Amino acid sequence: MGDINENELLRIMIWTFKVSKIKFEYPADLSIIIHPDKIDKIDIFSLKEEEE
């Protein structure tokens, strides 16, 4: 099994919340804290484009 990179891991985390059976009250906010050592490895803009 191959390694998973930071972008893939973040996408999986977001997807897990989307498909979760836990119902959040609207409007709900999700905060994901990214360690400063990892922030340069994540393409935040590509994640935003996927949401639109």
Protein backbone atom coordinates (compact mmCIF):
# COMPACT_ATOMS: atom_id res chain seq x y z
CA MET A 1 0.00 0.00 0.00
CA GLY A 2 1.39 3.41 -0.96
CA ASP A 3 1.88 6.41 1.22
CA ILE A 4 -0.85 9.03 1.38
CA ASN A 5 0.20 12.64 0.97
CA GLU A 6 -1.06 15.60 2.98
CA ASN A 7 -3.51 16.79 0.28
CA GLU A 8 -5.11 13.37 0.02
CA LEU A 9 -5.38 13.05 3.78
CA LEU A 10 -7.09 16.43 4.08
CA ARG A 11 -9.52 15.57 1.25
CA ILE A 12 -10.40 12.31 3.03
CA MET A 13 -10.98 14.16 6.31
CA ILE A 14 -13.34 16.64 4.63
CA TRP A 15 -15.14 13.90 2.70
CA THR A 16 -15.63 11.92 5.94
CA PHE A 17 -17.46 14.84 7.51
CA LYS A 18 -19.61 15.29 4.39
CA VAL A 19 -20.78 11.69 4.36
CA SER A 20 -21.00 11.33 8.13
CA LYS A 21 -24.36 10.30 9.54
CA ILE A 22 -23.86 12.82 12.31
CA LYS A 23 -26.13 15.75 11.61
CA PHE A 24 -24.77 19.17 12.37
CA GLU A 25 -26.95 22.18 13.02
CA TYR A 26 -26.90 24.70 10.21
CA PRO A 27 -24.79 26.73 9.86
CA ALA A 28 -21.95 24.55 11.08
CA ASP A 29 -18.25 25.34 10.98
CA LEU A 30 -15.44 22.87 10.77
CA SER A 31 -11.97 23.89 11.88
CA ILE A 32 -9.01 21.79 10.84
CA ILE A 33 -5.72 22.72 12.44
CA ILE A 34 -2.69 22.13 10.25
CA HIS A 35 0.74 21.92 11.81
CA PRO A 36 3.09 24.67 10.57
CA ASP A 37 5.50 22.01 9.27
CA LYS A 38 2.78 20.65 6.97
CA ILE A 39 1.07 23.81 5.70
CA ASP A 40 3.51 24.27 2.81
CA LYS A 41 2.74 20.76 1.58
CA ILE A 42 -1.01 21.36 1.22
CA ASP A 43 -2.60 23.08 -1.77
CA ILE A 44 -5.50 24.87 -0.09
CA PHE A 45 -6.57 26.54 -3.33
CA SER A 46 -7.11 23.22 -5.13
CA LEU A 47 -9.35 22.08 -2.27
CA LYS A 48 -11.43 25.25 -2.58
CA GLU A 49 -11.79 24.77 -6.35
CA GLU A 50 -13.12 21.24 -5.81
CA GLU A 51 -15.85 22.60 -3.54
CA GLU A 52 -17.24 24.97 -6.19
